[in-house]
Amino acid sequence: MKFLKLFSLFSIVILMTSCATRYKAIEPEQLMYNSINMEGDVSLEYKYDVLRKKYSKKEQKKDVRLVAVKITNRSNRDMIFGDDLRLTYANDNAISLMERDKIFSSLKQKPATHLFYLLLTPLTFSTTTTNSQGITQTSSAFPAGLIVGPGLAGANLITASSANKKFKEDLLVYDMRGKTIPAGKTVYGLVGVKAGNYDALKINVSRNEKVKKQEAITP
């Protein structure tokens, strides 16, 4: 009986610290960017640490960095991110941008883990009384676990699934891979980098694009 009580208390502590969290939309258009880099007619502004709560913790654990970017194309021609424009580190080391699905699978919450709340199902709260002979007896027992266990499991499953859905939608809407940045326009997006640090980034205009520009201005 004592072991069961200790196990129940331990389970409660572990489970309560692993609650699902809601997802806060990133909205790259609304962010204050604290880093900027320019090359020619193109400017890059970017910001790390755009995720919150469990998603942020997953970044640290998985060595993945989700970066919000703001790219402004002041040239007179459209440019394609990943072709005409590429991200590198400030020291010119290449960056391998992660696929959208890979970012999601690395950072998403795992709803099924919250089924462990069902371990609370056997939990009961008992009321004891002591009779005139000094004998302690259980007078009533309330099966609280039948309510708490399934209730917490269901609530956390719904919260985690809803948060993941919104996170996935953000990654889809703001996916930068292959996106066109029209002439004279600014485009906002999200990129995933496999890294355990926050190194400075810069934008590189491809050699082909530079040649095109030079040909356009040559009489």
N, C-alpha and C. Protein backbone atom coordinates (compact mmCIF):
# COMPACT_ATOMS: atom_id res chain seq x y z
N MET A 1 0.83 -1.21 0.00
CA MET A 1 0.00 0.00 0.00
C MET A 1 0.87 1.26 0.00
N LYS A 2 1.91 1.24 0.84
CA LYS A 2 2.81 2.39 0.90
C LYS A 2 3.50 2.60 -0.44
N PHE A 3 3.92 1.48 -1.06
CA PHE A 3 4.57 1.58 -2.37
C PHE A 3 3.62 2.17 -3.40
N LEU A 4 2.34 1.76 -3.35
CA LEU A 4 1.36 2.27 -4.30
C LEU A 4 1.17 3.77 -4.15
N LYS A 5 1.14 4.25 -2.89
CA LYS A 5 0.99 5.67 -2.66
C LYS A 5 2.20 6.46 -3.19
N LEU A 6 3.40 5.93 -2.90
CA LEU A 6 4.61 6.59 -3.38
C LEU A 6 4.65 6.62 -4.91
N PHE A 7 4.25 5.51 -5.53
CA PHE A 7 4.22 5.43 -6.99
C PHE A 7 3.24 6.44 -7.56
N SER A 8 2.08 6.56 -6.93
CA SER A 8 1.07 7.50 -7.40
C SER A 8 1.57 8.93 -7.32
N LEU A 9 2.21 9.27 -6.18
CA LEU A 9 2.75 10.62 -6.02
C LEU A 9 3.84 10.91 -7.04
N PHE A 10 4.71 9.93 -7.26
CA PHE A 10 5.78 10.09 -8.25
C PHE A 10 5.20 10.28 -9.64
N SER A 11 4.17 9.51 -9.96
CA SER A 11 3.53 9.61 -11.27
C SER A 11 2.91 10.99 -11.47
N ILE A 12 2.28 11.50 -10.41
CA ILE A 12 1.65 12.81 -10.50
C ILE A 12 2.68 13.90 -10.78
N VAL A 13 3.80 13.86 -10.07
CA VAL A 13 4.85 14.87 -10.26
C VAL A 13 5.40 14.82 -11.69
N ILE A 14 5.71 13.62 -12.17
CA ILE A 14 6.25 13.47 -13.53
C ILE A 14 5.27 13.92 -14.58
N LEU A 15 4.02 13.51 -14.44
CA LEU A 15 3.02 13.81 -15.45
C LEU A 15 2.65 15.29 -15.47
N MET A 16 2.59 15.89 -14.30
CA MET A 16 2.22 17.30 -14.25
C MET A 16 3.27 18.21 -14.87
N THR A 17 4.51 17.75 -14.88
CA THR A 17 5.59 18.57 -15.47
C THR A 17 5.75 18.31 -16.97
N SER A 18 4.92 17.43 -17.53
CA SER A 18 5.05 17.11 -18.95
C SER A 18 3.77 17.45 -19.70
N CYS A 19 3.05 18.45 -19.21
CA CYS A 19 1.79 18.85 -19.84
C CYS A 19 2.05 19.38 -21.26
N ALA A 20 1.08 19.16 -22.13
CA ALA A 20 1.15 19.72 -23.47
C ALA A 20 1.05 21.24 -23.38
N THR A 21 1.62 21.94 -24.35
CA THR A 21 1.56 23.40 -24.36
C THR A 21 0.92 23.90 -25.65
N ARG A 22 0.29 25.05 -25.57
CA ARG A 22 -0.31 25.66 -26.75
C ARG A 22 0.78 26.24 -27.65
N TYR A 23 0.45 26.43 -28.91
CA TYR A 23 1.40 26.99 -29.86
C TYR A 23 1.06 28.46 -30.12
N LYS A 24 2.05 29.30 -29.97
CA LYS A 24 1.87 30.73 -30.25
C LYS A 24 2.37 31.03 -31.66
N ALA A 25 1.49 31.51 -32.51
CA ALA A 25 1.86 31.82 -33.89
C ALA A 25 3.05 32.77 -33.94
N ILE A 26 3.95 32.53 -34.88
CA ILE A 26 5.19 33.32 -34.94
C ILE A 26 4.98 34.70 -35.59
N GLU A 27 4.22 34.75 -36.67
CA GLU A 27 3.93 36.00 -37.38
C GLU A 27 5.21 36.78 -37.70
N PRO A 28 6.03 36.29 -38.63
CA PRO A 28 7.29 36.96 -38.97
C PRO A 28 7.14 38.43 -39.37
N GLU A 29 5.98 38.79 -39.92
CA GLU A 29 5.76 40.19 -40.32
C GLU A 29 5.72 41.13 -39.12
N GLN A 30 5.42 40.59 -37.94
CA GLN A 30 5.26 41.44 -36.76
C GLN A 30 6.50 41.48 -35.86
N LEU A 31 7.52 40.73 -36.21
CA LEU A 31 8.69 40.62 -35.34
C LEU A 31 9.61 41.84 -35.46
N MET A 32 10.35 42.07 -34.38
CA MET A 32 11.41 43.07 -34.39
C MET A 32 12.72 42.33 -34.67
N TYR A 33 13.30 42.56 -35.84
CA TYR A 33 14.51 41.85 -36.23
C TYR A 33 15.74 42.56 -35.67
N ASN A 34 16.62 41.76 -35.06
CA ASN A 34 17.78 42.35 -34.40
C ASN A 34 19.10 42.11 -35.14
N SER A 35 19.04 41.49 -36.31
CA SER A 35 20.26 41.25 -37.10
C SER A 35 19.97 41.55 -38.57
N ILE A 36 20.93 42.18 -39.24
CA ILE A 36 20.75 42.54 -40.64
C ILE A 36 22.04 42.33 -41.42
N ASN A 37 21.88 41.94 -42.68
CA ASN A 37 23.02 41.75 -43.58
C ASN A 37 22.58 42.15 -44.97
N MET A 38 23.49 42.75 -45.74
CA MET A 38 23.14 43.19 -47.09
C MET A 38 24.19 42.73 -48.10
N GLU A 39 23.72 42.41 -49.28
CA GLU A 39 24.62 42.19 -50.41
C GLU A 39 23.98 42.80 -51.64
N GLY A 40 24.60 43.82 -52.18
CA GLY A 40 24.05 44.49 -53.35
C GLY A 40 22.67 45.07 -53.06
N ASP A 41 21.71 44.66 -53.88
CA ASP A 41 20.35 45.18 -53.76
C ASP A 41 19.46 44.33 -52.85
N VAL A 42 20.05 43.39 -52.15
CA VAL A 42 19.26 42.47 -51.33
C VAL A 42 19.68 42.59 -49.86
N SER A 43 18.69 42.69 -49.00
CA SER A 43 18.98 42.74 -47.57
C SER A 43 18.31 41.57 -46.85
N LEU A 44 18.98 41.09 -45.84
CA LEU A 44 18.47 40.01 -45.01
C LEU A 44 18.39 40.50 -43.57
N GLU A 45 17.23 40.34 -42.97
CA GLU A 45 17.06 40.55 -41.53
C GLU A 45 16.57 39.22 -40.95
N TYR A 46 17.06 38.88 -39.78
CA TYR A 46 16.69 37.56 -39.24
C TYR A 46 16.64 37.58 -37.72
N LYS A 47 15.97 36.57 -37.19
CA LYS A 47 15.80 36.49 -35.74
C LYS A 47 15.72 35.02 -35.31
N TYR A 48 16.57 34.66 -34.35
CA TYR A 48 16.49 33.35 -33.71
C TYR A 48 15.47 33.40 -32.57
N ASP A 49 15.29 32.27 -31.90
CA ASP A 49 14.42 32.20 -30.71
C ASP A 49 13.00 32.68 -30.98
N VAL A 50 12.37 32.13 -31.99
CA VAL A 50 10.99 32.54 -32.31
C VAL A 50 9.96 31.55 -31.78
N LEU A 51 10.42 30.42 -31.25
CA LEU A 51 9.51 29.43 -30.68
C LEU A 51 9.43 29.59 -29.17
N ARG A 52 8.36 29.05 -28.59
CA ARG A 52 8.14 29.16 -27.15
C ARG A 52 7.90 27.78 -26.53
N LYS A 53 8.08 27.73 -25.22
CA LYS A 53 7.73 26.57 -24.39
C LYS A 53 8.33 25.27 -24.93
N LYS A 54 7.50 24.23 -25.11
CA LYS A 54 8.04 22.92 -25.47
C LYS A 54 8.76 22.94 -26.82
N TYR A 55 8.27 23.75 -27.75
CA TYR A 55 8.91 23.81 -29.06
C TYR A 55 10.32 24.40 -28.94
N SER A 56 10.48 25.37 -28.08
CA SER A 56 11.79 25.96 -27.86
C SER A 56 12.73 24.94 -27.20
N LYS A 57 12.20 24.19 -26.25
CA LYS A 57 13.02 23.17 -25.59
C LYS A 57 13.46 22.09 -26.57
N LYS A 58 12.57 21.77 -27.51
CA LYS A 58 12.93 20.77 -28.53
C LYS A 58 14.06 21.28 -29.41
N GLU A 59 14.07 22.58 -29.70
CA GLU A 59 15.16 23.17 -30.48
C GLU A 59 16.50 22.88 -29.82
N GLN A 60 16.55 23.11 -28.52
CA GLN A 60 17.80 22.91 -27.78
C GLN A 60 18.18 21.43 -27.77
N LYS A 61 17.20 20.59 -27.55
CA LYS A 61 17.47 19.16 -27.43
C LYS A 61 17.89 18.54 -28.76
N LYS A 62 17.27 18.99 -29.85
CA LYS A 62 17.51 18.40 -31.17
C LYS A 62 18.58 19.13 -31.98
N ASP A 63 19.13 20.22 -31.41
CA ASP A 63 20.10 21.04 -32.15
C ASP A 63 19.52 21.50 -33.49
N VAL A 64 18.33 22.06 -33.40
CA VAL A 64 17.65 22.63 -34.57
C VAL A 64 17.33 24.09 -34.24
N ARG A 65 17.53 24.98 -35.19
CA ARG A 65 17.22 26.38 -34.98
C ARG A 65 16.22 26.83 -36.06
N LEU A 66 15.06 27.27 -35.59
CA LEU A 66 14.09 27.84 -36.52
C LEU A 66 14.31 29.35 -36.54
N VAL A 67 14.53 29.89 -37.73
CA VAL A 67 14.91 31.30 -37.87
C VAL A 67 13.87 32.03 -38.72
N ALA A 68 13.38 33.14 -38.19
CA ALA A 68 12.50 34.00 -38.98
C ALA A 68 13.36 34.92 -39.83
N VAL A 69 13.00 35.08 -41.10
CA VAL A 69 13.79 35.92 -42.01
C VAL A 69 12.90 36.93 -42.72
N LYS A 70 13.50 38.06 -43.00
CA LYS A 70 12.86 39.13 -43.77
C LYS A 70 13.83 39.51 -44.89
N ILE A 71 13.45 39.22 -46.12
CA ILE A 71 14.34 39.46 -47.26
C ILE A 71 13.72 40.51 -48.17
N THR A 72 14.48 41.55 -48.42
CA THR A 72 14.02 42.64 -49.27
C THR A 72 14.84 42.68 -50.55
N ASN A 73 14.14 42.63 -51.67
CA ASN A 73 14.78 42.63 -52.99
C ASN A 73 14.58 44.00 -53.63
N ARG A 74 15.64 44.81 -53.63
CA ARG A 74 15.54 46.16 -54.18
C ARG A 74 16.02 46.22 -55.63
N SER A 75 16.28 45.08 -56.23
CA SER A 75 16.74 45.04 -57.63
C SER A 75 15.53 45.18 -58.57
N ASN A 76 15.81 45.13 -59.86
CA ASN A 76 14.73 45.26 -60.85
C ASN A 76 14.32 43.91 -61.44
N ARG A 77 14.69 42.83 -60.77
CA ARG A 77 14.30 41.49 -61.26
C ARG A 77 13.93 40.59 -60.08
N ASP A 78 13.06 39.64 -60.36
CA ASP A 78 12.66 38.67 -59.34
C ASP A 78 13.83 37.74 -59.02
N MET A 79 13.88 37.28 -57.79
CA MET A 79 14.92 36.34 -57.38
C MET A 79 14.28 35.17 -56.62
N ILE A 80 14.88 34.00 -56.77
CA ILE A 80 14.36 32.80 -56.12
C ILE A 80 15.28 32.39 -54.98
N PHE A 81 14.66 32.22 -53.81
CA PHE A 81 15.43 31.81 -52.63
C PHE A 81 15.85 30.35 -52.79
N GLY A 82 17.15 30.12 -52.62
CA GLY A 82 17.69 28.78 -52.82
C GLY A 82 18.34 28.61 -54.17
N ASP A 83 18.08 29.57 -55.07
CA ASP A 83 18.68 29.53 -56.40
C ASP A 83 19.49 30.82 -56.62
N ASP A 84 18.79 31.94 -56.79
CA ASP A 84 19.49 33.22 -56.94
C ASP A 84 20.03 33.73 -55.60
N LEU A 85 19.34 33.37 -54.54
CA LEU A 85 19.73 33.82 -53.20
C LEU A 85 19.95 32.62 -52.29
N ARG A 86 21.03 32.65 -51.52
CA ARG A 86 21.33 31.56 -50.60
C ARG A 86 21.78 32.12 -49.26
N LEU A 87 21.47 31.37 -48.20
CA LEU A 87 21.95 31.73 -46.87
C LEU A 87 23.25 31.00 -46.58
N THR A 88 24.19 31.72 -45.98
CA THR A 88 25.41 31.09 -45.46
C THR A 88 25.67 31.69 -44.08
N TYR A 89 26.62 31.09 -43.39
CA TYR A 89 27.08 31.72 -42.15
C TYR A 89 27.94 32.92 -42.51
N ALA A 90 28.15 33.81 -41.57
CA ALA A 90 28.92 35.02 -41.82
C ALA A 90 30.35 34.71 -42.25
N ASN A 91 30.87 33.53 -41.85
CA ASN A 91 32.24 33.15 -42.24
C ASN A 91 32.25 32.42 -43.58
N ASP A 92 31.13 32.46 -44.30
CA ASP A 92 30.96 31.86 -45.63
C ASP A 92 30.80 30.35 -45.61
N ASN A 93 30.74 29.73 -44.43
CA ASN A 93 30.45 28.29 -44.38
C ASN A 93 29.03 28.05 -44.85
N ALA A 94 28.86 26.97 -45.60
CA ALA A 94 27.55 26.67 -46.17
C ALA A 94 26.54 26.28 -45.10
N ILE A 95 25.27 26.55 -45.39
CA ILE A 95 24.17 26.14 -44.52
C ILE A 95 23.29 25.19 -45.30
N SER A 96 23.00 24.05 -44.72
CA SER A 96 22.07 23.11 -45.33
C SER A 96 20.71 23.30 -44.68
N LEU A 97 19.80 23.95 -45.41
CA LEU A 97 18.49 24.22 -44.85
C LEU A 97 17.66 22.94 -44.77
N MET A 98 16.93 22.79 -43.68
CA MET A 98 16.15 21.59 -43.45
C MET A 98 14.84 21.62 -44.24
N GLU A 99 14.38 20.45 -44.66
CA GLU A 99 13.09 20.32 -45.30
C GLU A 99 12.00 20.63 -44.27
N ARG A 100 10.88 21.15 -44.76
CA ARG A 100 9.77 21.52 -43.87
C ARG A 100 9.31 20.34 -43.01
N ASP A 101 9.14 19.18 -43.61
CA ASP A 101 8.67 18.01 -42.86
C ASP A 101 9.68 17.57 -41.81
N LYS A 102 10.95 17.76 -42.10
CA LYS A 102 11.99 17.38 -41.14
C LYS A 102 11.97 18.32 -39.94
N ILE A 103 11.75 19.60 -40.19
CA ILE A 103 11.65 20.56 -39.09
C ILE A 103 10.48 20.17 -38.18
N PHE A 104 9.35 19.87 -38.80
CA PHE A 104 8.15 19.54 -38.04
C PHE A 104 8.35 18.27 -37.21
N SER A 105 8.88 17.23 -37.82
CA SER A 105 9.06 15.96 -37.10
C SER A 105 10.07 16.10 -35.95
N SER A 106 11.03 17.02 -36.10
CA SER A 106 12.04 17.21 -35.06
C SER A 106 11.51 17.99 -33.87
N LEU A 107 10.60 18.95 -34.12
CA LEU A 107 10.19 19.88 -33.07
C LEU A 107 8.76 19.69 -32.56
N LYS A 108 7.98 18.88 -33.19
CA LYS A 108 6.58 18.73 -32.79
C LYS A 108 6.45 18.08 -31.41
N GLN A 109 5.31 18.35 -30.77
CA GLN A 109 4.97 17.64 -29.54
C GLN A 109 4.47 16.24 -29.91
N LYS A 110 4.61 15.32 -29.00
CA LYS A 110 4.19 13.94 -29.25
C LYS A 110 2.95 13.65 -28.41
N PRO A 111 1.76 13.77 -29.01
CA PRO A 111 0.51 13.61 -28.25
C PRO A 111 0.39 12.27 -27.52
N ALA A 112 0.89 11.20 -28.13
CA ALA A 112 0.72 9.87 -27.54
C ALA A 112 1.38 9.75 -26.17
N THR A 113 2.41 10.56 -25.91
CA THR A 113 3.09 10.46 -24.61
C THR A 113 2.16 10.84 -23.46
N HIS A 114 1.13 11.61 -23.76
CA HIS A 114 0.21 12.04 -22.71
C HIS A 114 -0.76 10.94 -22.29
N LEU A 115 -0.72 9.81 -22.97
CA LEU A 115 -1.53 8.67 -22.54
C LEU A 115 -1.05 8.14 -21.19
N PHE A 116 0.17 8.53 -20.81
CA PHE A 116 0.69 8.10 -19.52
C PHE A 116 -0.13 8.67 -18.35
N TYR A 117 -0.93 9.69 -18.65
CA TYR A 117 -1.82 10.20 -17.61
C TYR A 117 -2.81 9.12 -17.16
N LEU A 118 -3.02 8.14 -18.01
CA LEU A 118 -3.93 7.05 -17.64
C LEU A 118 -3.39 6.24 -16.47
N LEU A 119 -2.09 6.39 -16.17
CA LEU A 119 -1.53 5.71 -15.00
C LEU A 119 -2.17 6.21 -13.70
N LEU A 120 -2.80 7.37 -13.78
CA LEU A 120 -3.46 7.91 -12.60
C LEU A 120 -4.83 7.29 -12.35
N THR A 121 -5.32 6.49 -13.30
CA THR A 121 -6.66 5.92 -13.20
C THR A 121 -6.91 5.16 -11.90
N PRO A 122 -5.96 4.34 -11.40
CA PRO A 122 -6.22 3.59 -10.16
C PRO A 122 -6.20 4.44 -8.89
N LEU A 123 -5.84 5.72 -9.02
CA LEU A 123 -5.68 6.57 -7.84
C LEU A 123 -7.02 6.78 -7.12
N THR A 124 -7.01 6.59 -5.81
CA THR A 124 -8.21 6.83 -5.00
C THR A 124 -7.84 7.69 -3.79
N PHE A 125 -8.83 8.44 -3.32
CA PHE A 125 -8.67 9.23 -2.10
C PHE A 125 -9.56 8.62 -1.03
N SER A 126 -8.95 8.23 0.08
CA SER A 126 -9.68 7.53 1.13
C SER A 126 -9.87 8.40 2.36
N THR A 127 -10.98 8.17 3.03
CA THR A 127 -11.25 8.82 4.30
C THR A 127 -11.16 7.78 5.40
N THR A 128 -10.39 8.06 6.42
CA THR A 128 -10.22 7.09 7.51
C THR A 128 -10.77 7.62 8.82
N THR A 129 -11.20 6.69 9.65
CA THR A 129 -11.70 7.04 10.98
C THR A 129 -11.06 6.12 12.01
N THR A 130 -10.96 6.59 13.20
CA THR A 130 -10.41 5.78 14.31
C THR A 130 -11.52 5.54 15.33
N ASN A 131 -11.79 4.25 15.61
CA ASN A 131 -12.87 3.94 16.55
C ASN A 131 -12.38 4.07 18.00
N SER A 132 -13.26 3.77 18.92
CA SER A 132 -12.95 3.92 20.35
C SER A 132 -11.86 2.99 20.83
N GLN A 133 -11.61 1.93 20.08
CA GLN A 133 -10.54 1.01 20.45
C GLN A 133 -9.19 1.42 19.84
N GLY A 134 -9.18 2.57 19.14
CA GLY A 134 -7.93 3.03 18.55
C GLY A 134 -7.59 2.37 17.22
N ILE A 135 -8.55 1.68 16.62
CA ILE A 135 -8.33 0.99 15.34
C ILE A 135 -8.73 1.94 14.21
N THR A 136 -7.81 2.14 13.28
CA THR A 136 -8.07 3.01 12.13
C THR A 136 -8.71 2.20 11.01
N GLN A 137 -9.79 2.72 10.49
CA GLN A 137 -10.51 2.04 9.42
C GLN A 137 -10.80 3.00 8.28
N THR A 138 -10.86 2.44 7.09
CA THR A 138 -11.21 3.24 5.92
C THR A 138 -12.73 3.30 5.82
N SER A 139 -13.26 4.50 5.91
CA SER A 139 -14.71 4.63 5.88
C SER A 139 -15.27 4.85 4.48
N SER A 140 -14.45 5.47 3.60
CA SER A 140 -14.89 5.68 2.23
C SER A 140 -13.69 5.88 1.32
N ALA A 141 -13.89 5.56 0.07
CA ALA A 141 -12.82 5.73 -0.92
C ALA A 141 -13.42 6.29 -2.19
N PHE A 142 -12.84 7.40 -2.68
CA PHE A 142 -13.34 8.05 -3.89
C PHE A 142 -12.38 7.78 -5.05
N PRO A 143 -12.85 7.14 -6.13
CA PRO A 143 -11.97 6.79 -7.27
C PRO A 143 -11.64 8.00 -8.14
N ALA A 144 -10.89 8.95 -7.59
CA ALA A 144 -10.57 10.19 -8.32
C ALA A 144 -9.83 9.92 -9.62
N GLY A 145 -9.03 8.85 -9.64
CA GLY A 145 -8.25 8.55 -10.83
C GLY A 145 -9.08 8.28 -12.06
N LEU A 146 -10.31 7.78 -11.86
CA LEU A 146 -11.19 7.50 -13.00
C LEU A 146 -11.60 8.78 -13.72
N ILE A 147 -11.53 9.89 -12.98
CA ILE A 147 -11.85 11.20 -13.59
C ILE A 147 -10.58 11.91 -14.03
N VAL A 148 -9.60 11.95 -13.13
CA VAL A 148 -8.37 12.71 -13.38
C VAL A 148 -7.55 12.10 -14.52
N GLY A 149 -7.34 10.78 -14.49
CA GLY A 149 -6.49 10.13 -15.50
C GLY A 149 -6.97 10.34 -16.91
N PRO A 150 -8.17 9.84 -17.26
CA PRO A 150 -8.69 10.03 -18.63
C PRO A 150 -8.89 11.50 -18.98
N GLY A 151 -9.27 12.31 -17.96
CA GLY A 151 -9.49 13.73 -18.24
C GLY A 151 -8.22 14.44 -18.66
N LEU A 152 -7.14 14.23 -17.91
CA LEU A 152 -5.86 14.85 -18.25
C LEU A 152 -5.31 14.31 -19.56
N ALA A 153 -5.46 13.01 -19.76
CA ALA A 153 -4.97 12.40 -21.01
C ALA A 153 -5.67 13.01 -22.21
N GLY A 154 -7.00 13.11 -22.14
CA GLY A 154 -7.77 13.66 -23.25
C GLY A 154 -7.46 15.12 -23.51
N ALA A 155 -7.40 15.91 -22.44
CA ALA A 155 -7.14 17.35 -22.59
C ALA A 155 -5.78 17.61 -23.20
N ASN A 156 -4.77 16.86 -22.76
CA ASN A 156 -3.41 17.06 -23.28
C ASN A 156 -3.26 16.55 -24.70
N LEU A 157 -3.96 15.47 -25.04
CA LEU A 157 -3.94 14.98 -26.42
C LEU A 157 -4.50 16.04 -27.37
N ILE A 158 -5.60 16.65 -26.96
CA ILE A 158 -6.24 17.67 -27.80
C ILE A 158 -5.34 18.90 -27.91
N THR A 159 -4.76 19.34 -26.79
CA THR A 159 -3.89 20.52 -26.79
C THR A 159 -2.67 20.31 -27.68
N ALA A 160 -2.01 19.16 -27.52
CA ALA A 160 -0.80 18.88 -28.30
C ALA A 160 -1.11 18.76 -29.78
N SER A 161 -2.21 18.08 -30.12
CA SER A 161 -2.57 17.90 -31.53
C SER A 161 -2.92 19.23 -32.18
N SER A 162 -3.67 20.08 -31.45
CA SER A 162 -4.04 21.38 -31.98
C SER A 162 -2.81 22.27 -32.17
N ALA A 163 -1.91 22.23 -31.19
CA ALA A 163 -0.68 23.04 -31.28
C ALA A 163 0.17 22.59 -32.46
N ASN A 164 0.31 21.29 -32.65
CA ASN A 164 1.10 20.77 -33.76
C ASN A 164 0.50 21.17 -35.11
N LYS A 165 -0.82 21.15 -35.18
CA LYS A 165 -1.49 21.53 -36.43
C LYS A 165 -1.17 22.98 -36.79
N LYS A 166 -1.23 23.88 -35.79
CA LYS A 166 -0.93 25.29 -36.04
C LYS A 166 0.54 25.50 -36.39
N PHE A 167 1.41 24.75 -35.72
CA PHE A 167 2.85 24.83 -36.01
C PHE A 167 3.12 24.40 -37.46
N LYS A 168 2.48 23.30 -37.87
CA LYS A 168 2.67 22.80 -39.23
C LYS A 168 2.16 23.79 -40.26
N GLU A 169 1.06 24.47 -39.96
CA GLU A 169 0.51 25.48 -40.87
C GLU A 169 1.47 26.65 -41.03
N ASP A 170 2.10 27.07 -39.92
CA ASP A 170 3.09 28.15 -39.99
C ASP A 170 4.26 27.76 -40.89
N LEU A 171 4.74 26.53 -40.71
CA LEU A 171 5.87 26.07 -41.52
C LEU A 171 5.51 26.01 -43.00
N LEU A 172 4.25 25.70 -43.30
CA LEU A 172 3.80 25.64 -44.69
C LEU A 172 3.67 27.03 -45.29
N VAL A 173 3.00 27.91 -44.57
CA VAL A 173 2.76 29.27 -45.06
C VAL A 173 4.06 30.05 -45.25
N TYR A 174 5.01 29.85 -44.33
CA TYR A 174 6.24 30.65 -44.36
C TYR A 174 7.46 29.87 -44.88
N ASP A 175 7.21 28.78 -45.57
CA ASP A 175 8.32 27.99 -46.14
C ASP A 175 9.06 28.83 -47.19
N MET A 176 10.35 28.97 -47.03
CA MET A 176 11.14 29.81 -47.93
C MET A 176 11.76 29.05 -49.09
N ARG A 177 11.81 27.75 -49.00
CA ARG A 177 12.49 26.97 -50.03
C ARG A 177 11.81 27.14 -51.39
N GLY A 178 12.55 27.69 -52.36
CA GLY A 178 12.02 27.89 -53.70
C GLY A 178 11.09 29.08 -53.84
N LYS A 179 10.98 29.90 -52.80
CA LYS A 179 10.06 31.04 -52.85
C LYS A 179 10.65 32.18 -53.68
N THR A 180 9.79 32.82 -54.46
CA THR A 180 10.21 33.96 -55.28
C THR A 180 10.08 35.25 -54.49
N ILE A 181 11.16 36.04 -54.52
CA ILE A 181 11.12 37.38 -53.91
C ILE A 181 11.02 38.37 -55.07
N PRO A 182 9.83 38.91 -55.33
CA PRO A 182 9.64 39.79 -56.48
C PRO A 182 10.48 41.06 -56.40
N ALA A 183 10.78 41.63 -57.53
CA ALA A 183 11.54 42.88 -57.59
C ALA A 183 10.83 43.96 -56.79
N GLY A 184 11.60 44.65 -55.94
CA GLY A 184 11.04 45.74 -55.16
C GLY A 184 10.15 45.33 -54.00
N LYS A 185 10.15 44.05 -53.65
CA LYS A 185 9.26 43.55 -52.61
C LYS A 185 10.04 42.95 -51.43
N THR A 186 9.33 42.78 -50.32
CA THR A 186 9.88 42.14 -49.13
C THR A 186 9.09 40.87 -48.85
N VAL A 187 9.79 39.80 -48.54
CA VAL A 187 9.15 38.52 -48.25
C VAL A 187 9.59 38.05 -46.86
N TYR A 188 8.64 37.55 -46.09
CA TYR A 188 8.91 37.04 -44.75
C TYR A 188 8.78 35.51 -44.76
N GLY A 189 9.62 34.86 -43.97
CA GLY A 189 9.55 33.41 -43.94
C GLY A 189 10.25 32.79 -42.76
N LEU A 190 10.27 31.45 -42.75
CA LEU A 190 10.93 30.67 -41.71
C LEU A 190 11.86 29.66 -42.35
N VAL A 191 13.04 29.52 -41.80
CA VAL A 191 13.99 28.52 -42.28
C VAL A 191 14.48 27.70 -41.09
N GLY A 192 14.72 26.44 -41.33
CA GLY A 192 15.24 25.56 -40.29
C GLY A 192 16.70 25.22 -40.56
N VAL A 193 17.52 25.36 -39.53
CA VAL A 193 18.96 25.10 -39.65
C VAL A 193 19.35 24.03 -38.63
N LYS A 194 20.07 23.04 -39.08
CA LYS A 194 20.57 22.01 -38.17
C LYS A 194 21.84 22.53 -37.52
N ALA A 195 21.70 23.07 -36.31
CA ALA A 195 22.86 23.66 -35.63
C ALA A 195 22.55 23.77 -34.14
N GLY A 196 23.60 23.73 -33.35
CA GLY A 196 23.44 23.87 -31.91
C GLY A 196 23.85 25.23 -31.41
N ASN A 197 24.02 26.19 -32.33
CA ASN A 197 24.48 27.52 -31.94
C ASN A 197 23.62 28.58 -32.62
N TYR A 198 24.02 29.83 -32.43
CA TYR A 198 23.28 30.96 -33.01
C TYR A 198 24.24 31.83 -33.83
N ASP A 199 24.97 31.21 -34.73
CA ASP A 199 25.95 31.94 -35.52
C ASP A 199 25.29 32.97 -36.44
N ALA A 200 26.04 34.03 -36.73
CA ALA A 200 25.55 35.08 -37.62
C ALA A 200 25.34 34.53 -39.03
N LEU A 201 24.30 35.04 -39.68
CA LEU A 201 23.96 34.61 -41.04
C LEU A 201 24.16 35.76 -42.02
N LYS A 202 24.27 35.40 -43.29
CA LYS A 202 24.31 36.45 -44.32
C LYS A 202 23.67 35.91 -45.59
N ILE A 203 23.25 36.85 -46.44
CA ILE A 203 22.61 36.50 -47.72
C ILE A 203 23.65 36.59 -48.83
N ASN A 204 23.65 35.62 -49.71
CA ASN A 204 24.57 35.61 -50.85
C ASN A 204 23.78 35.61 -52.15
N VAL A 205 24.11 36.53 -53.01
CA VAL A 205 23.52 36.56 -54.34
C VAL A 205 24.36 35.66 -55.24
N SER A 206 23.72 34.73 -55.93
CA SER A 206 24.47 33.75 -56.72
C SER A 206 25.22 34.41 -57.87
N ARG A 207 26.25 33.75 -58.33
CA ARG A 207 27.07 34.28 -59.43
C ARG A 207 26.23 34.48 -60.68
N ASN A 208 25.31 33.56 -60.95
CA ASN A 208 24.48 33.67 -62.15
C ASN A 208 23.63 34.93 -62.11
N GLU A 209 23.12 35.26 -60.93
CA GLU A 209 22.29 36.46 -60.80
C GLU A 209 23.14 37.72 -61.01
N LYS A 210 24.38 37.68 -60.51
CA LYS A 210 25.27 38.83 -60.70
C LYS A 210 25.59 39.02 -62.18
N VAL A 211 25.77 37.90 -62.87
CA VAL A 211 26.04 37.98 -64.31
C VAL A 211 24.85 38.57 -65.05
N LYS A 212 23.65 38.12 -64.69
CA LYS A 212 22.43 38.64 -65.31
C LYS A 212 22.34 40.16 -65.12
N LYS A 213 22.64 40.60 -63.90
CA LYS A 213 22.55 42.02 -63.60
C LYS A 213 23.57 42.80 -64.43
N GLN A 214 24.79 42.27 -64.53
CA GLN A 214 25.83 42.94 -65.29
C GLN A 214 25.47 43.01 -66.76
N GLU A 215 24.90 41.94 -67.29
CA GLU A 215 24.48 41.92 -68.71
C GLU A 215 23.38 42.94 -68.96
N ALA A 216 22.50 43.11 -67.94
CA ALA A 216 21.37 44.03 -68.10
C ALA A 216 21.82 45.49 -68.18
N ILE A 217 22.94 45.81 -67.50
CA ILE A 217 23.38 47.21 -67.47
C ILE A 217 24.47 47.49 -68.49
N THR A 218 24.96 46.42 -69.17
CA THR A 218 25.99 46.61 -70.19
C THR A 218 25.36 47.00 -71.51
N PRO A 219 25.79 48.11 -72.12
CA PRO A 219 25.20 48.56 -73.39
C PRO A 219 25.48 47.57 -74.50
